Amino acid sequence: MKFKKINEIVRCMIDGRYQLEDDTNFCDSLLYFAHDASISKQIIRIKRINTGAIYWKTLVFVEIECSDEKEVRTEVKNVINEIALLKQYLLGTENVDLYLFLAFSNYSNSEECLRIESTEGICRKYVLMPDEDMENFFKRTFLHKVLEDNSKIDGQDPIERAFNSINKDKVLLDEESQKKWMDHFLKYSGSELAEKLICED
């Protein structure tokens, strides 16, 4: 089971930033759409704390038993169709904050995993790569806490590089605005990030 004890793992990762939805009745009702081929399936809902957020992010964890590419594509299509149905039951911006975490048993084609992950229709997808451990897998997701010493490329932070590019010919974002945007990019994701950037004075 690739996502064994996922509840505890997520709880530890989001501690101090998000809360887990304690009432699992809604998540249990959403599992009605789960496909029989999924050997492991779980839905977790989280909400950011200390921000006044009222909407929940929905995380769907699915492990599929399959052995060849044709079977993988069939089963992934089934899962995506079910996610589309599930999405209809999420209110307001919650249907934007929907994430699929996918793993395969007995299948190890990295290229196909990357192809699936790169498609963002219906929801954002994260696929556990062959030989990838859970720690490195979650480091690629928004659940992983971004540290202040976040990764830099050529000694420069990627967001800082984008700001410099924007201001190349004319200053469009002053230093104060850049700091606000930087904070938003590091703290938020999905609809929360969009709302912060759009509504920012």
C-alpha atoms as a PDB file:
ATOM      1  CA  MET A   1       0.000   0.000   0.000  1.00  0.00           C
ATOM      2  CA  LYS A   2       1.746   3.153  -1.238  1.00  0.00           C
ATOM      3  CA  PHE A   3      -0.423   5.598   0.728  1.00  0.00           C
ATOM      4  CA  LYS A   4      -0.503   3.673   3.979  1.00  0.00           C
ATOM      5  CA  LYS A   5      -1.177   5.903   7.010  1.00  0.00           C
ATOM      6  CA  ILE A   6      -1.554   8.897   4.690  1.00  0.00           C
ATOM      7  CA  ASN A   7      -3.789  10.660   7.213  1.00  0.00           C
ATOM      8  CA  GLU A   8      -0.993  10.762   9.786  1.00  0.00           C
ATOM      9  CA  ILE A   9       1.594  11.786   7.177  1.00  0.00           C
ATOM     10  CA  VAL A  10      -0.508  14.701   5.937  1.00  0.00           C
ATOM     11  CA  ARG A  11      -1.359  15.779   9.482  1.00  0.00           C
ATOM     12  CA  CYS A  12       2.344  16.045  10.359  1.00  0.00           C
ATOM     13  CA  MET A  13       3.214  17.909   7.153  1.00  0.00           C
ATOM     14  CA  ILE A  14       0.532  20.572   7.499  1.00  0.00           C
ATOM     15  CA  ASP A  15       0.854  21.120  11.239  1.00  0.00           C
ATOM     16  CA  GLY A  16       0.637  24.821  12.053  1.00  0.00           C
ATOM     17  CA  ARG A  17      -0.517  25.762   8.538  1.00  0.00           C
ATOM     18  CA  TYR A  18      -3.669  23.743   7.797  1.00  0.00           C
ATOM     19  CA  GLN A  19      -6.272  21.819   9.762  1.00  0.00           C
ATOM     20  CA  LEU A  20      -7.817  18.487   8.817  1.00  0.00           C
ATOM     21  CA  GLU A  21     -11.578  18.235   8.510  1.00  0.00           C
ATOM     22  CA  ASP A  22     -12.636  16.143  11.492  1.00  0.00           C
ATOM     23  CA  ASP A  23     -16.094  15.277  10.167  1.00  0.00           C
ATOM     24  CA  THR A  24     -15.391  12.505   7.647  1.00  0.00           C
ATOM     25  CA  ASN A  25     -19.015  12.019   6.572  1.00  0.00           C
ATOM     26  CA  PHE A  26     -18.632  14.238   3.505  1.00  0.00           C
ATOM     27  CA  CYS A  27     -15.384  12.536   2.494  1.00  0.00           C
ATOM     28  CA  ASP A  28     -17.012   9.135   2.932  1.00  0.00           C
ATOM     29  CA  SER A  29     -19.885  10.188   0.673  1.00  0.00           C
ATOM     30  CA  LEU A  30     -17.413  11.356  -1.974  1.00  0.00           C
ATOM     31  CA  LEU A  31     -15.747   7.930  -1.915  1.00  0.00           C
ATOM     32  CA  TYR A  32     -18.947   6.589  -3.454  1.00  0.00           C
ATOM     33  CA  PHE A  33     -17.454   7.585  -6.799  1.00  0.00           C
ATOM     34  CA  ALA A  34     -14.269   5.557  -6.267  1.00  0.00           C
ATOM     35  CA  HIS A  35     -13.559   2.991  -8.965  1.00  0.00           C
ATOM     36  CA  ASP A  36     -13.336  -0.694  -8.013  1.00  0.00           C
ATOM     37  CA  ALA A  37      -9.900  -1.073  -9.612  1.00  0.00           C
ATOM     38  CA  SER A  38      -8.446   1.353  -7.079  1.00  0.00           C
ATOM     39  CA  ILE A  39      -6.855  -0.841  -4.445  1.00  0.00           C
ATOM     40  CA  SER A  40      -6.369   2.065  -2.083  1.00  0.00           C
ATOM     41  CA  LYS A  41      -8.408   5.233  -1.948  1.00  0.00           C
ATOM     42  CA  GLN A  42      -8.848   8.008   0.560  1.00  0.00           C
ATOM     43  CA  ILE A  43     -10.119  11.573   0.575  1.00  0.00           C
ATOM     44  CA  ILE A  44      -8.751  14.181   2.973  1.00  0.00           C
ATOM     45  CA  ARG A  45      -9.927  17.767   3.312  1.00  0.00           C
ATOM     46  CA  ILE A  46      -7.753  20.536   4.717  1.00  0.00           C
ATOM     47  CA  LYS A  47      -8.230  24.236   5.392  1.00  0.00           C
ATOM     48  CA  ARG A  48      -5.661  26.920   6.056  1.00  0.00           C
ATOM     49  CA  ILE A  49      -5.672  28.194   9.632  1.00  0.00           C
ATOM     50  CA  ASN A  50      -5.272  31.749  10.970  1.00  0.00           C
ATOM     51  CA  THR A  51      -6.356  33.347   7.672  1.00  0.00           C
ATOM     52  CA  GLY A  52     -10.133  33.366   7.946  1.00  0.00           C
ATOM     53  CA  ALA A  53     -10.371  30.831   5.123  1.00  0.00           C
ATOM     54  CA  ILE A  54     -13.796  29.228   4.802  1.00  0.00           C
ATOM     55  CA  TYR A  55     -13.162  26.841   1.916  1.00  0.00           C
ATOM     56  CA  TRP A  56     -11.512  23.438   2.052  1.00  0.00           C
ATOM     57  CA  LYS A  57      -8.914  21.871  -0.224  1.00  0.00           C
ATOM     58  CA  THR A  58      -9.855  18.327  -1.261  1.00  0.00           C
ATOM     59  CA  LEU A  59      -7.044  15.778  -1.583  1.00  0.00           C
ATOM     60  CA  VAL A  60      -7.828  12.485  -3.297  1.00  0.00           C
ATOM     61  CA  PHE A  61      -5.324   9.652  -2.810  1.00  0.00           C
ATOM     62  CA  VAL A  62      -5.665   6.722  -5.211  1.00  0.00           C
ATOM     63  CA  GLU A  63      -3.525   3.652  -5.790  1.00  0.00           C
ATOM     64  CA  ILE A  64      -4.235   1.616  -8.930  1.00  0.00           C
ATOM     65  CA  GLU A  65      -3.341  -1.997  -9.638  1.00  0.00           C
ATOM     66  CA  CYS A  66      -2.168  -2.328 -13.234  1.00  0.00           C
ATOM     67  CA  SER A  67       0.684  -3.841 -15.219  1.00  0.00           C
ATOM     68  CA  ASP A  68       0.830  -2.281 -18.701  1.00  0.00           C
ATOM     69  CA  GLU A  69       0.371   1.092 -20.382  1.00  0.00           C
ATOM     70  CA  LYS A  70      -2.995   0.268 -21.948  1.00  0.00           C
ATOM     71  CA  GLU A  71      -4.391  -0.766 -18.578  1.00  0.00           C
ATOM     72  CA  VAL A  72      -2.896   2.300 -16.908  1.00  0.00           C
ATOM     73  CA  ARG A  73      -4.538   4.687 -19.374  1.00  0.00           C
ATOM     74  CA  THR A  74      -7.910   2.954 -19.019  1.00  0.00           C
ATOM     75  CA  GLU A  75      -7.852   3.049 -15.239  1.00  0.00           C
ATOM     76  CA  VAL A  76      -6.558   6.636 -15.081  1.00  0.00           C
ATOM     77  CA  LYS A  77      -9.371   7.694 -17.412  1.00  0.00           C
ATOM     78  CA  ASN A  78     -11.871   6.015 -15.067  1.00  0.00           C
ATOM     79  CA  VAL A  79     -10.381   7.794 -12.061  1.00  0.00           C
ATOM     80  CA  ILE A  80     -10.446  11.195 -13.822  1.00  0.00           C
ATOM     81  CA  ASN A  81     -14.089  10.674 -14.805  1.00  0.00           C
ATOM     82  CA  GLU A  82     -14.917   9.967 -11.177  1.00  0.00           C
ATOM     83  CA  ILE A  83     -12.960  13.033 -10.058  1.00  0.00           C
ATOM     84  CA  ALA A  84     -15.041  15.098 -12.513  1.00  0.00           C
ATOM     85  CA  LEU A  85     -18.226  13.788 -10.855  1.00  0.00           C
ATOM     86  CA  LEU A  86     -16.802  14.438  -7.411  1.00  0.00           C
ATOM     87  CA  LYS A  87     -15.917  17.996  -8.443  1.00  0.00           C
ATOM     88  CA  GLN A  88     -19.588  18.787  -9.041  1.00  0.00           C
ATOM     89  CA  TYR A  89     -20.276  18.264  -5.338  1.00  0.00           C
ATOM     90  CA  LEU A  90     -17.668  20.779  -4.198  1.00  0.00           C
ATOM     91  CA  LEU A  91     -19.045  24.239  -3.511  1.00  0.00           C
ATOM     92  CA  GLY A  92     -17.715  27.583  -4.722  1.00  0.00           C
ATOM     93  CA  THR A  93     -13.972  27.767  -5.197  1.00  0.00           C
ATOM     94  CA  GLU A  94     -13.549  24.370  -3.548  1.00  0.00           C
ATOM     95  CA  ASN A  95     -13.927  22.748  -6.969  1.00  0.00           C
ATOM     96  CA  VAL A  96     -10.726  24.555  -7.987  1.00  0.00           C
ATOM     97  CA  ASP A  97      -8.799  23.343  -4.947  1.00  0.00           C
ATOM     98  CA  LEU A  98      -9.038  19.677  -5.905  1.00  0.00           C
ATOM     99  CA  TYR A  99      -5.876  17.572  -6.039  1.00  0.00           C
ATOM    100  CA  LEU A 100      -5.267  13.982  -7.137  1.00  0.00           C
ATOM    101  CA  PHE A 101      -2.365  12.050  -5.617  1.00  0.00           C
ATOM    102  CA  LEU A 102      -1.858   8.932  -7.720  1.00  0.00           C
ATOM    103  CA  ALA A 103       0.271   5.802  -7.317  1.00  0.00           C
ATOM    104  CA  PHE A 104       0.546   2.576  -9.296  1.00  0.00           C
ATOM    105  CA  SER A 105       1.259  -0.971  -8.194  1.00  0.00           C
ATOM    106  CA  ASN A 106       3.288  -3.200 -10.540  1.00  0.00           C
ATOM    107  CA  TYR A 107       3.928  -0.427 -13.047  1.00  0.00           C
ATOM    108  CA  SER A 108       7.195   1.458 -13.497  1.00  0.00           C
ATOM    109  CA  ASN A 109       7.119   3.619 -16.631  1.00  0.00           C
ATOM    110  CA  SER A 110       8.395   7.043 -15.557  1.00  0.00           C
ATOM    111  CA  GLU A 111       7.518   8.694 -18.861  1.00  0.00           C
ATOM    112  CA  GLU A 112       3.869   7.709 -18.550  1.00  0.00           C
ATOM    113  CA  CYS A 113       3.801   8.936 -14.960  1.00  0.00           C
ATOM    114  CA  LEU A 114       5.203  12.295 -16.066  1.00  0.00           C
ATOM    115  CA  ARG A 115       2.685  12.493 -18.907  1.00  0.00           C
ATOM    116  CA  ILE A 116      -0.211  11.955 -16.505  1.00  0.00           C
ATOM    117  CA  GLU A 117       1.143  14.491 -14.043  1.00  0.00           C
ATOM    118  CA  SER A 118       1.569  17.148 -16.741  1.00  0.00           C
ATOM    119  CA  THR A 119      -2.121  17.077 -17.695  1.00  0.00           C
ATOM    120  CA  GLU A 120      -4.003  19.581 -15.556  1.00  0.00           C
ATOM    121  CA  GLY A 121      -7.531  19.039 -16.866  1.00  0.00           C
ATOM    122  CA  ILE A 122     -10.171  18.535 -14.119  1.00  0.00           C
ATOM    123  CA  CYS A 123      -7.637  18.852 -11.291  1.00  0.00           C
ATOM    124  CA  ARG A 124      -3.954  19.148 -10.388  1.00  0.00           C
ATOM    125  CA  LYS A 125      -2.253  15.748 -10.357  1.00  0.00           C
ATOM    126  CA  TYR A 126       0.769  14.423  -8.502  1.00  0.00           C
ATOM    127  CA  VAL A 127       2.021  10.964  -9.511  1.00  0.00           C
ATOM    128  CA  LEU A 128       4.357   8.886  -7.366  1.00  0.00           C
ATOM    129  CA  MET A 129       7.285   8.031  -9.624  1.00  0.00           C
ATOM    130  CA  PRO A 130       8.872   4.563  -9.711  1.00  0.00           C
ATOM    131  CA  ASP A 131      11.467   4.247  -6.914  1.00  0.00           C
ATOM    132  CA  GLU A 132      10.445   7.627  -5.464  1.00  0.00           C
ATOM    133  CA  ASP A 133      10.015   7.637  -1.697  1.00  0.00           C
ATOM    134  CA  MET A 134       7.185   9.455   0.052  1.00  0.00           C
ATOM    135  CA  GLU A 135       9.415  12.203   1.425  1.00  0.00           C
ATOM    136  CA  ASN A 136      10.637  13.255  -2.006  1.00  0.00           C
ATOM    137  CA  PHE A 137       7.174  12.807  -3.488  1.00  0.00           C
ATOM    138  CA  PHE A 138       5.570  15.236  -1.052  1.00  0.00           C
ATOM    139  CA  LYS A 139       8.417  17.718  -1.455  1.00  0.00           C
ATOM    140  CA  ARG A 140       7.060  18.245  -4.975  1.00  0.00           C
ATOM    141  CA  THR A 141       3.624  19.223  -3.675  1.00  0.00           C
ATOM    142  CA  PHE A 142       2.121  22.282  -1.997  1.00  0.00           C
ATOM    143  CA  LEU A 143       1.806  20.232   1.219  1.00  0.00           C
ATOM    144  CA  HIS A 144       5.551  20.529   1.741  1.00  0.00           C
ATOM    145  CA  LYS A 145       6.402  23.560   3.843  1.00  0.00           C
ATOM    146  CA  VAL A 146       8.490  26.073   1.910  1.00  0.00           C
ATOM    147  CA  LEU A 147      11.458  27.126   4.013  1.00  0.00           C
ATOM    148  CA  GLU A 148      12.901  30.609   4.003  1.00  0.00           C
ATOM    149  CA  ASP A 149      16.082  29.271   2.443  1.00  0.00           C
ATOM    150  CA  ASN A 150      14.083  27.958  -0.520  1.00  0.00           C
ATOM    151  CA  SER A 151      15.881  26.657  -3.619  1.00  0.00           C
ATOM    152  CA  LYS A 152      17.645  29.118  -5.852  1.00  0.00           C
ATOM    153  CA  ILE A 153      18.784  28.836  -9.447  1.00  0.00           C
ATOM    154  CA  ASP A 154      22.197  30.319 -10.250  1.00  0.00           C
ATOM    155  CA  GLY A 155      22.151  31.977  -6.822  1.00  0.00           C
ATOM    156  CA  GLN A 156      18.848  33.725  -7.533  1.00  0.00           C
ATOM    157  CA  ASP A 157      15.372  32.822  -6.341  1.00  0.00           C
ATOM    158  CA  PRO A 158      13.062  31.930  -9.314  1.00  0.00           C
ATOM    159  CA  ILE A 159      10.376  34.394  -8.185  1.00  0.00           C
ATOM    160  CA  GLU A 160      12.965  37.148  -7.769  1.00  0.00           C
ATOM    161  CA  ARG A 161      14.209  36.364 -11.266  1.00  0.00           C
ATOM    162  CA  ALA A 162      10.652  36.766 -12.617  1.00  0.00           C
ATOM    163  CA  PHE A 163      10.317  40.167 -10.896  1.00  0.00           C
ATOM    164  CA  ASN A 164      13.604  41.326 -12.415  1.00  0.00           C
ATOM    165  CA  SER A 165      12.377  40.269 -15.835  1.00  0.00           C
ATOM    166  CA  ILE A 166       9.104  42.173 -15.375  1.00  0.00           C
ATOM    167  CA  ASN A 167      10.991  45.316 -14.317  1.00  0.00           C
ATOM    168  CA  LYS A 168      13.623  45.033 -17.057  1.00  0.00           C
ATOM    169  CA  ASP A 169      12.402  47.961 -19.158  1.00  0.00           C
ATOM    170  CA  LYS A 170      10.159  49.758 -16.681  1.00  0.00           C
ATOM    171  CA  VAL A 171       9.509  49.411 -12.962  1.00  0.00           C
ATOM    172  CA  LEU A 172       6.035  47.819 -12.781  1.00  0.00           C
ATOM    173  CA  LEU A 173       6.380  46.242  -9.335  1.00  0.00           C
ATOM    174  CA  ASP A 174       7.986  48.283  -6.581  1.00  0.00           C
ATOM    175  CA  GLU A 175       9.932  46.661  -3.739  1.00  0.00           C
ATOM    176  CA  GLU A 176       6.958  46.647  -1.344  1.00  0.00           C
ATOM    177  CA  SER A 177       4.691  44.961  -3.934  1.00  0.00           C
ATOM    178  CA  GLN A 178       7.372  42.381  -4.702  1.00  0.00           C
ATOM    179  CA  LYS A 179       7.630  41.488  -0.996  1.00  0.00           C
ATOM    180  CA  LYS A 180       3.840  41.045  -0.755  1.00  0.00           C
ATOM    181  CA  TRP A 181       3.749  38.854  -3.855  1.00  0.00           C
ATOM    182  CA  MET A 182       6.714  36.827  -2.641  1.00  0.00           C
ATOM    183  CA  ASP A 183       4.941  36.170   0.660  1.00  0.00           C
ATOM    184  CA  HIS A 184       1.795  35.085  -1.197  1.00  0.00           C
ATOM    185  CA  PHE A 185       3.685  32.692  -3.483  1.00  0.00           C
ATOM    186  CA  LEU A 186       5.380  31.058  -0.515  1.00  0.00           C
ATOM    187  CA  LYS A 187       2.284  30.780   1.669  1.00  0.00           C
ATOM    188  CA  TYR A 188      -0.627  30.049  -0.661  1.00  0.00           C
ATOM    189  CA  SER A 189      -1.683  27.866  -3.576  1.00  0.00           C
ATOM    190  CA  GLY A 190      -4.727  27.238  -5.769  1.00  0.00           C
ATOM    191  CA  SER A 191      -7.718  29.546  -5.329  1.00  0.00           C
ATOM    192  CA  GLU A 192      -6.204  31.085  -2.178  1.00  0.00           C
ATOM    193  CA  LEU A 193      -3.207  32.316  -4.159  1.00  0.00           C
ATOM    194  CA  ALA A 194      -5.392  33.559  -7.027  1.00  0.00           C
ATOM    195  CA  GLU A 195      -7.623  35.484  -4.600  1.00  0.00           C
ATOM    196  CA  LYS A 196      -4.647  37.088  -2.885  1.00  0.00           C
ATOM    197  CA  LEU A 197      -3.052  38.211  -6.179  1.00  0.00           C
ATOM    198  CA  ILE A 198      -6.286  39.442  -7.760  1.00  0.00           C
ATOM    199  CA  CYS A 199      -7.607  41.258  -4.701  1.00  0.00           C
ATOM    200  CA  GLU A 200      -4.268  42.803  -3.711  1.00  0.00           C
ATOM    201  CA  ASP A 201      -4.414  46.576  -3.690  1.00  0.00           C
END
